[in-house]
Protein backbone atom coordinates (compact mmCIF):
# COMPACT_ATOMS: atom_id res chain seq x y z
CA MET A 1 -9.87 -13.74 -1.61
CA GLN A 2 -6.77 -11.56 -1.66
CA PHE A 3 -6.80 -7.78 -1.59
CA LEU A 4 -4.28 -4.98 -1.96
CA ILE A 5 -4.49 -2.11 0.50
CA SER A 6 -2.35 0.73 -0.93
CA VAL A 7 -1.27 3.53 1.41
CA ILE A 8 -1.53 7.01 -0.11
CA ASP A 9 0.84 9.65 1.25
CA HIS A 10 2.15 13.08 0.34
CA GLU A 11 5.16 13.43 2.64
CA THR A 12 8.12 11.03 2.73
CA GLY A 13 9.07 9.59 6.11
CA SER A 14 6.15 11.25 7.84
CA ALA A 15 4.99 8.41 10.12
CA THR A 16 5.09 9.34 13.79
CA PRO A 17 6.19 6.89 16.50
CA ALA A 18 2.53 6.56 17.55
CA GLU A 19 1.50 5.73 13.97
CA MET A 20 4.28 3.16 13.67
CA ALA A 21 3.16 1.54 16.94
CA ALA A 22 -0.43 1.41 15.67
CA ILE A 23 0.73 -0.11 12.38
CA ASP A 24 2.76 -2.75 14.24
CA ALA A 25 -0.28 -3.63 16.38
CA PHE A 26 -2.48 -3.82 13.26
CA ASN A 27 0.06 -6.09 11.55
CA ALA A 28 0.13 -8.37 14.60
CA ARG A 29 -3.68 -8.59 14.53
CA LEU A 30 -3.64 -9.41 10.80
CA VAL A 31 -1.25 -12.27 11.52
CA ALA A 32 -3.22 -13.53 14.54
CA ASP A 33 -6.54 -13.43 12.64
CA GLY A 34 -5.15 -15.15 9.53
CA HIS A 35 -5.44 -12.13 7.19
CA TRP A 36 -1.70 -11.47 6.76
CA VAL A 37 0.02 -12.13 3.44
CA PHE A 38 2.55 -9.30 3.10
CA ALA A 39 3.15 -5.65 4.00
CA GLY A 40 5.87 -3.16 3.27
CA GLY A 41 6.76 0.48 2.94
CA LEU A 42 8.29 2.05 -0.15
CA THR A 43 11.13 4.50 -0.67
CA ALA A 44 10.50 8.09 -1.71
CA PRO A 45 9.03 8.74 -5.18
CA GLY A 46 12.34 10.20 -6.31
CA GLU A 47 13.81 6.70 -6.21
CA ALA A 48 11.17 5.29 -8.58
CA VAL A 49 11.75 4.35 -12.22
CA VAL A 50 9.02 3.69 -14.78
CA LEU A 51 10.13 1.08 -17.35
CA ASP A 52 8.41 0.15 -20.60
CA GLY A 53 9.77 -2.92 -22.38
CA ARG A 54 7.12 -3.01 -25.07
CA GLY A 55 8.15 -2.56 -28.66
CA ASP A 56 11.60 -2.37 -30.19
CA HIS A 57 12.92 0.48 -28.06
CA PRO A 58 12.43 0.04 -24.30
CA THR A 59 12.14 3.27 -22.31
CA GLU A 60 13.10 4.25 -18.79
CA GLN A 61 11.78 7.30 -17.00
CA ALA A 62 13.00 8.48 -13.61
CA GLY A 63 10.22 9.23 -11.14
CA THR A 64 6.75 7.91 -10.48
CA LEU A 65 3.95 6.99 -12.82
CA ALA A 66 2.17 10.28 -12.12
CA PRO A 67 4.93 12.88 -11.71
CA GLY A 68 3.97 16.29 -10.36
CA GLY A 69 1.16 15.06 -8.16
CA ASP A 70 1.18 15.54 -4.42
CA ASP A 71 0.03 11.99 -3.58
CA TYR A 72 1.99 8.79 -4.09
CA LEU A 73 2.00 5.16 -3.02
CA SER A 74 4.05 4.89 0.18
CA GLY A 75 3.34 1.30 1.17
CA CYS A 76 0.91 -1.55 1.01
CA TRP A 77 -0.64 -4.55 2.66
CA ILE A 78 -1.71 -7.71 0.87
CA ILE A 79 -4.39 -9.42 2.91
CA THR A 80 -6.76 -12.35 2.67
CA ALA A 81 -10.40 -11.99 3.59
CA THR A 82 -13.47 -14.13 3.05
CA ASP A 83 -15.43 -11.27 1.48
CA LEU A 84 -15.33 -7.62 0.40
CA GLU A 85 -17.07 -6.46 3.58
CA THR A 86 -14.31 -7.90 5.76
CA ALA A 87 -11.63 -6.45 3.48
CA ARG A 88 -13.30 -3.00 3.66
CA ALA A 89 -13.35 -3.16 7.46
CA LEU A 90 -9.67 -4.09 7.54
CA ALA A 91 -8.81 -1.30 5.05
CA LEU A 92 -10.64 1.24 7.24
CA GLU A 93 -8.68 0.01 10.24
CA ALA A 94 -5.45 0.25 8.25
CA SER A 95 -6.30 3.84 7.33
CA ARG A 96 -6.91 4.73 10.98
CA CYS A 97 -3.70 3.03 12.12
CA CYS A 98 -1.39 4.67 9.59
CA ASN A 99 -3.34 7.95 9.55
CA ARG A 100 -3.38 7.99 5.75
CA ARG A 101 -5.91 7.42 3.00
CA VAL A 102 -5.83 3.93 1.53
CA GLU A 103 -7.10 2.30 -1.63
CA LEU A 104 -8.61 -1.21 -1.50
CA ARG A 105 -8.55 -3.44 -4.59
CA PRO A 106 -9.17 -7.16 -4.98
CA PHE A 107 -6.71 -9.23 -6.96
CA LEU A 108 -8.07 -10.67 -10.21
CA GLY A 109 -9.24 -14.25 -9.88
CA SER A 110 -9.11 -14.23 -6.13
C-alpha cells in the first residue's frame, strides 16, 4: 500500500540543522527498509497558484487553497507499507524527525 505523509508547518524555512539531519537519517532508513517512494519540500505558500480548468472560463488564484490560515503544506513523503499500522508508525517517526505535525493518508486503490 502507498501512503502520503504531508508535513504541516506555519513558518517558511524553519527547519533547524538538527531537524534536517534527523530528516536525512529518516529518509535513509526509509530507503534501507524498502518504504521509500518519494519525498520533497515545497516552496513558501506565497509561490502557490490555485488553478481551476473546469467550465468555459478557467480561473487562476495566487496563493494557497486555504489563504489566511497559519498552517500550510511544507513537504511530503510518499511511502509504501504493508499495512496502516506500519504507516502510522512511520508517520509518527516522520513527525518526530521534522518536529512538525503530519497528516497520513492512504492512496486510493493501494
